[in-house]
Amino acid sequence: MSGSNIVNANLDKWAAQRLAGVQGVATITAAKAAAQAKALPQSESWKDHTRDARKGLYGKASKEGTNITVELGHRVSYGVSLELANDCKHAVLEKTLNSLRQEFLSSVKQIMESKI
């Protein structure tokens, strides 16, 4: 194997390791986001009459190529209405994801700067 092939193989390995690490952080963040959103007191969220909306909150991480996405959402059909009602005063999705942003970015930075 030539020198450039070795370098390219090492770069591919480095990129794959980093991508796997970031995907792991995204999976953990998605689970934390769902748990945190479900645990918000009603004073900070919409009024939960049936508990269906709260139970239907989910977090998911997905990977498409080199893009990794953290998703937090509602499984109930009226979830969008809950988030947008009253000028978004009691919205939980954006508030929850924003509260985890620094932790997520810090973890990703650690992965990208690691020397493994």
N, C-alpha and C. Protein backbone atom coordinates (compact mmCIF):
# COMPACT_ATOMS: atom_id res chain seq x y z
N MET A 1 0.86 -1.18 0.00
CA MET A 1 0.00 0.00 0.00
C MET A 1 0.90 1.24 0.00
N SER A 2 0.60 2.18 -0.89
CA SER A 2 1.42 3.39 -0.99
C SER A 2 1.14 4.31 0.19
N GLY A 3 2.03 5.27 0.36
CA GLY A 3 1.90 6.23 1.46
C GLY A 3 0.58 6.98 1.43
N SER A 4 0.18 7.43 0.24
CA SER A 4 -1.08 8.19 0.14
C SER A 4 -2.29 7.30 0.45
N ASN A 5 -2.22 6.03 0.08
CA ASN A 5 -3.31 5.11 0.40
C ASN A 5 -3.43 4.88 1.90
N ILE A 6 -2.29 4.82 2.58
CA ILE A 6 -2.29 4.66 4.03
C ILE A 6 -2.90 5.89 4.69
N VAL A 7 -2.49 7.07 4.23
CA VAL A 7 -3.03 8.32 4.77
C VAL A 7 -4.55 8.36 4.55
N ASN A 8 -4.99 8.05 3.36
CA ASN A 8 -6.42 8.06 3.06
C ASN A 8 -7.19 7.05 3.91
N ALA A 9 -6.62 5.87 4.11
CA ALA A 9 -7.27 4.86 4.94
C ALA A 9 -7.38 5.34 6.38
N ASN A 10 -6.31 5.98 6.87
CA ASN A 10 -6.33 6.52 8.24
C ASN A 10 -7.35 7.65 8.38
N LEU A 11 -7.46 8.50 7.37
CA LEU A 11 -8.46 9.58 7.40
C LEU A 11 -9.88 9.01 7.39
N ASP A 12 -10.11 7.99 6.59
CA ASP A 12 -11.42 7.35 6.55
C ASP A 12 -11.77 6.74 7.91
N LYS A 13 -10.78 6.10 8.53
CA LYS A 13 -10.99 5.50 9.85
C LYS A 13 -11.29 6.58 10.88
N TRP A 14 -10.52 7.69 10.84
CA TRP A 14 -10.73 8.82 11.76
C TRP A 14 -12.15 9.37 11.60
N ALA A 15 -12.57 9.59 10.37
CA ALA A 15 -13.90 10.15 10.10
C ALA A 15 -15.00 9.20 10.57
N ALA A 16 -14.84 7.91 10.34
CA ALA A 16 -15.85 6.93 10.75
C ALA A 16 -15.97 6.88 12.27
N GLN A 17 -14.83 6.95 12.97
CA GLN A 17 -14.85 6.95 14.43
C GLN A 17 -15.56 8.19 14.97
N ARG A 18 -15.27 9.34 14.40
CA ARG A 18 -15.89 10.59 14.85
C ARG A 18 -17.39 10.57 14.58
N LEU A 19 -17.76 10.10 13.40
CA LEU A 19 -19.18 10.03 13.04
C LEU A 19 -19.94 9.10 13.99
N ALA A 20 -19.35 7.97 14.32
CA ALA A 20 -19.98 7.04 15.26
C ALA A 20 -20.11 7.67 16.64
N GLY A 21 -19.10 8.40 17.06
CA GLY A 21 -19.16 9.07 18.36
C GLY A 21 -20.25 10.13 18.41
N VAL A 22 -20.35 10.92 17.36
CA VAL A 22 -21.37 11.97 17.31
C VAL A 22 -22.76 11.33 17.25
N GLN A 23 -22.88 10.23 16.53
CA GLN A 23 -24.17 9.55 16.48
C GLN A 23 -24.56 9.03 17.87
N GLY A 24 -23.59 8.54 18.63
CA GLY A 24 -23.86 8.10 20.00
C GLY A 24 -24.32 9.25 20.88
N VAL A 25 -23.67 10.40 20.76
CA VAL A 25 -24.06 11.58 21.53
C VAL A 25 -25.48 12.00 21.13
N ALA A 26 -25.78 11.95 19.85
CA ALA A 26 -27.11 12.33 19.37
C ALA A 26 -28.18 11.40 19.94
N THR A 27 -27.89 10.11 19.99
CA THR A 27 -28.84 9.13 20.53
C THR A 27 -29.11 9.40 22.01
N ILE A 28 -28.06 9.67 22.76
CA ILE A 28 -28.20 9.98 24.19
C ILE A 28 -28.96 11.28 24.38
N THR A 29 -28.65 12.28 23.57
CA THR A 29 -29.32 13.58 23.67
C THR A 29 -30.80 13.45 23.35
N ALA A 30 -31.14 12.67 22.35
CA ALA A 30 -32.55 12.48 21.99
C ALA A 30 -33.32 11.83 23.13
N ALA A 31 -32.73 10.83 23.77
CA ALA A 31 -33.39 10.16 24.90
C ALA A 31 -33.54 11.13 26.08
N LYS A 32 -32.50 11.92 26.35
CA LYS A 32 -32.58 12.91 27.42
C LYS A 32 -33.65 13.94 27.13
N ALA A 33 -33.74 14.38 25.89
CA ALA A 33 -34.71 15.40 25.51
C ALA A 33 -36.14 14.89 25.73
N ALA A 34 -36.40 13.66 25.32
CA ALA A 34 -37.74 13.10 25.50
C ALA A 34 -38.08 12.99 26.98
N ALA A 35 -37.15 12.49 27.77
CA ALA A 35 -37.39 12.35 29.21
C ALA A 35 -37.59 13.71 29.87
N GLN A 36 -36.78 14.67 29.49
CA GLN A 36 -36.86 16.01 30.08
C GLN A 36 -38.18 16.69 29.70
N ALA A 37 -38.59 16.57 28.44
CA ALA A 37 -39.86 17.19 28.00
C ALA A 37 -41.05 16.55 28.72
N LYS A 38 -41.01 15.24 28.90
CA LYS A 38 -42.10 14.56 29.60
C LYS A 38 -42.17 14.94 31.07
N ALA A 39 -41.03 15.32 31.64
CA ALA A 39 -40.96 15.63 33.07
C ALA A 39 -41.27 17.09 33.39
N LEU A 40 -41.40 17.94 32.38
CA LEU A 40 -41.69 19.34 32.64
C LEU A 40 -43.00 19.47 33.41
N PRO A 41 -43.02 20.29 34.44
CA PRO A 41 -44.28 20.49 35.17
C PRO A 41 -45.30 21.21 34.28
N GLN A 42 -46.57 21.01 34.57
CA GLN A 42 -47.61 21.63 33.75
C GLN A 42 -47.53 23.15 33.76
N SER A 43 -46.94 23.72 34.78
CA SER A 43 -46.79 25.18 34.81
C SER A 43 -45.85 25.66 33.70
N GLU A 44 -45.01 24.78 33.18
CA GLU A 44 -44.07 25.13 32.12
C GLU A 44 -44.45 24.51 30.78
N SER A 45 -45.56 23.81 30.74
CA SER A 45 -45.99 23.19 29.48
C SER A 45 -47.48 23.41 29.31
N TRP A 46 -48.03 22.82 28.29
CA TRP A 46 -49.46 22.91 28.05
C TRP A 46 -50.20 22.11 29.11
N LYS A 47 -51.48 22.42 29.28
CA LYS A 47 -52.30 21.69 30.24
C LYS A 47 -52.55 20.30 29.68
N ASP A 48 -52.25 19.31 30.45
CA ASP A 48 -52.27 17.92 29.99
C ASP A 48 -53.50 17.21 30.55
N HIS A 49 -54.60 17.25 29.82
CA HIS A 49 -55.86 16.69 30.30
C HIS A 49 -55.85 15.17 30.33
N THR A 50 -55.36 14.53 29.29
CA THR A 50 -55.44 13.07 29.20
C THR A 50 -54.10 12.37 29.39
N ARG A 51 -53.01 13.10 29.43
CA ARG A 51 -51.64 12.59 29.51
C ARG A 51 -51.19 11.95 28.20
N ASP A 52 -52.06 11.88 27.20
CA ASP A 52 -51.70 11.28 25.92
C ASP A 52 -50.58 12.06 25.23
N ALA A 53 -50.68 13.39 25.26
CA ALA A 53 -49.66 14.21 24.60
C ALA A 53 -48.30 14.03 25.27
N ARG A 54 -48.29 14.04 26.59
CA ARG A 54 -47.02 13.87 27.31
C ARG A 54 -46.43 12.49 27.05
N LYS A 55 -47.27 11.47 27.08
CA LYS A 55 -46.80 10.11 26.80
C LYS A 55 -46.33 9.98 25.35
N GLY A 56 -46.88 10.79 24.47
CA GLY A 56 -46.54 10.70 23.06
C GLY A 56 -45.32 11.48 22.64
N LEU A 57 -44.67 12.17 23.56
CA LEU A 57 -43.43 12.86 23.22
C LEU A 57 -42.34 11.82 22.96
N TYR A 58 -41.53 12.07 21.95
CA TYR A 58 -40.46 11.11 21.63
C TYR A 58 -39.19 11.86 21.22
N GLY A 59 -38.08 11.20 21.41
CA GLY A 59 -36.79 11.70 20.94
C GLY A 59 -36.16 10.64 20.06
N LYS A 60 -35.51 11.09 19.00
CA LYS A 60 -34.94 10.14 18.04
C LYS A 60 -33.70 10.77 17.41
N ALA A 61 -32.69 9.97 17.21
CA ALA A 61 -31.50 10.41 16.47
C ALA A 61 -31.46 9.60 15.18
N SER A 62 -31.11 10.27 14.11
CA SER A 62 -31.01 9.55 12.84
C SER A 62 -29.78 10.03 12.08
N LYS A 63 -29.32 9.17 11.18
CA LYS A 63 -28.13 9.47 10.37
C LYS A 63 -28.45 9.20 8.92
N GLU A 64 -28.14 10.17 8.10
CA GLU A 64 -28.28 10.01 6.66
C GLU A 64 -26.97 10.50 6.04
N GLY A 65 -26.18 9.57 5.55
CA GLY A 65 -24.85 9.93 5.06
C GLY A 65 -24.00 10.41 6.22
N THR A 66 -23.52 11.64 6.13
CA THR A 66 -22.74 12.22 7.23
C THR A 66 -23.55 13.22 8.03
N ASN A 67 -24.86 13.31 7.78
CA ASN A 67 -25.74 14.20 8.53
C ASN A 67 -26.39 13.45 9.67
N ILE A 68 -26.31 14.01 10.86
CA ILE A 68 -26.93 13.41 12.04
C ILE A 68 -27.95 14.41 12.57
N THR A 69 -29.14 13.91 12.87
CA THR A 69 -30.23 14.76 13.32
C THR A 69 -30.75 14.27 14.66
N VAL A 70 -31.02 15.22 15.56
CA VAL A 70 -31.71 14.93 16.81
C VAL A 70 -33.12 15.48 16.65
N GLU A 71 -34.10 14.63 16.85
CA GLU A 71 -35.50 15.02 16.67
C GLU A 71 -36.26 14.82 17.97
N LEU A 72 -37.05 15.82 18.33
CA LEU A 72 -37.95 15.72 19.48
C LEU A 72 -39.33 16.09 18.95
N GLY A 73 -40.32 15.25 19.19
CA GLY A 73 -41.62 15.53 18.60
C GLY A 73 -42.78 14.94 19.37
N HIS A 74 -43.96 15.17 18.81
CA HIS A 74 -45.22 14.67 19.35
C HIS A 74 -45.73 13.53 18.49
N ARG A 75 -46.33 12.56 19.11
CA ARG A 75 -46.99 11.49 18.35
C ARG A 75 -48.49 11.73 18.23
N VAL A 76 -49.02 12.69 18.98
CA VAL A 76 -50.45 12.98 18.88
C VAL A 76 -50.69 13.97 17.75
N SER A 77 -51.83 13.85 17.11
CA SER A 77 -52.14 14.69 15.95
C SER A 77 -52.23 16.17 16.29
N TYR A 78 -52.52 16.49 17.52
CA TYR A 78 -52.69 17.89 17.94
C TYR A 78 -51.44 18.47 18.60
N GLY A 79 -50.33 17.77 18.48
CA GLY A 79 -49.08 18.24 19.09
C GLY A 79 -48.64 19.61 18.59
N VAL A 80 -48.79 19.85 17.30
CA VAL A 80 -48.41 21.16 16.74
C VAL A 80 -49.25 22.26 17.37
N SER A 81 -50.54 22.00 17.55
CA SER A 81 -51.42 22.99 18.17
C SER A 81 -50.98 23.30 19.60
N LEU A 82 -50.58 22.27 20.34
CA LEU A 82 -50.10 22.49 21.71
C LEU A 82 -48.87 23.39 21.72
N GLU A 83 -47.98 23.16 20.78
CA GLU A 83 -46.74 23.94 20.73
C GLU A 83 -46.98 25.39 20.31
N LEU A 84 -47.94 25.62 19.44
CA LEU A 84 -48.16 26.96 18.88
C LEU A 84 -49.20 27.79 19.63
N ALA A 85 -49.99 27.16 20.48
CA ALA A 85 -51.06 27.87 21.20
C ALA A 85 -50.49 28.95 22.12
N ASN A 86 -51.26 29.98 22.33
CA ASN A 86 -50.90 31.06 23.26
C ASN A 86 -49.53 31.66 22.95
N ASP A 87 -49.28 31.92 21.68
CA ASP A 87 -48.00 32.48 21.24
C ASP A 87 -46.81 31.64 21.69
N CYS A 88 -46.98 30.33 21.67
CA CYS A 88 -45.92 29.37 22.03
C CYS A 88 -45.50 29.48 23.50
N LYS A 89 -46.33 30.07 24.31
CA LYS A 89 -45.99 30.29 25.73
C LYS A 89 -45.65 29.00 26.47
N HIS A 90 -46.32 27.92 26.11
CA HIS A 90 -46.11 26.66 26.83
C HIS A 90 -45.47 25.58 25.96
N ALA A 91 -44.84 25.97 24.88
CA ALA A 91 -44.18 25.01 24.00
C ALA A 91 -43.05 24.30 24.74
N VAL A 92 -42.92 23.01 24.53
CA VAL A 92 -41.88 22.25 25.22
C VAL A 92 -40.74 21.78 24.33
N LEU A 93 -41.00 21.61 23.04
CA LEU A 93 -39.98 21.01 22.17
C LEU A 93 -38.75 21.90 22.03
N GLU A 94 -38.94 23.11 21.59
CA GLU A 94 -37.80 24.01 21.39
C GLU A 94 -37.10 24.33 22.71
N LYS A 95 -37.89 24.57 23.75
CA LYS A 95 -37.32 24.87 25.07
C LYS A 95 -36.42 23.73 25.55
N THR A 96 -36.88 22.52 25.36
CA THR A 96 -36.11 21.35 25.81
C THR A 96 -34.83 21.18 25.00
N LEU A 97 -34.94 21.26 23.68
CA LEU A 97 -33.74 21.11 22.85
C LEU A 97 -32.74 22.22 23.12
N ASN A 98 -33.21 23.44 23.31
CA ASN A 98 -32.30 24.54 23.62
C ASN A 98 -31.58 24.32 24.94
N SER A 99 -32.25 23.72 25.91
CA SER A 99 -31.62 23.48 27.21
C SER A 99 -30.50 22.45 27.13
N LEU A 100 -30.51 21.61 26.10
CA LEU A 100 -29.49 20.57 25.94
C LEU A 100 -28.42 20.94 24.92
N ARG A 101 -28.57 22.07 24.28
CA ARG A 101 -27.67 22.46 23.18
C ARG A 101 -26.20 22.52 23.61
N GLN A 102 -25.90 23.23 24.69
CA GLN A 102 -24.49 23.39 25.10
C GLN A 102 -23.84 22.06 25.44
N GLU A 103 -24.57 21.23 26.16
CA GLU A 103 -24.05 19.90 26.52
C GLU A 103 -23.76 19.09 25.27
N PHE A 104 -24.68 19.12 24.31
CA PHE A 104 -24.51 18.39 23.06
C PHE A 104 -23.28 18.90 22.30
N LEU A 105 -23.19 20.22 22.12
CA LEU A 105 -22.07 20.80 21.38
C LEU A 105 -20.73 20.55 22.07
N SER A 106 -20.72 20.60 23.38
CA SER A 106 -19.50 20.33 24.14
C SER A 106 -19.05 18.88 23.93
N SER A 107 -20.00 17.96 23.95
CA SER A 107 -19.67 16.55 23.74
C SER A 107 -19.15 16.31 22.33
N VAL A 108 -19.77 16.94 21.35
CA VAL A 108 -19.32 16.79 19.97
C VAL A 108 -17.91 17.36 19.82
N LYS A 109 -17.66 18.49 20.43
CA LYS A 109 -16.32 19.10 20.37
C LYS A 109 -15.28 18.15 20.97
N GLN A 110 -15.59 17.53 22.10
CA GLN A 110 -14.67 16.58 22.73
C GLN A 110 -14.37 15.42 21.77
N ILE A 111 -15.37 14.92 21.12
CA ILE A 111 -15.19 13.81 20.19
C ILE A 111 -14.30 14.24 19.04
N MET A 112 -14.58 15.39 18.48
CA MET A 112 -13.81 15.85 17.31
C MET A 112 -12.36 16.15 17.67
N GLU A 113 -12.10 16.54 18.91
CA GLU A 113 -10.74 16.86 19.32
C GLU A 113 -10.00 15.68 19.96
N SER A 114 -10.68 14.54 20.12
CA SER A 114 -10.02 13.40 20.76
C SER A 114 -8.94 12.83 19.85
N LYS A 115 -8.02 12.13 20.44
CA LYS A 115 -6.86 11.61 19.70
C LYS A 115 -6.93 10.10 19.56
N ILE A 116 -8.12 9.54 19.48
CA ILE A 116 -8.24 8.08 19.32
C ILE A 116 -8.03 7.69 17.88
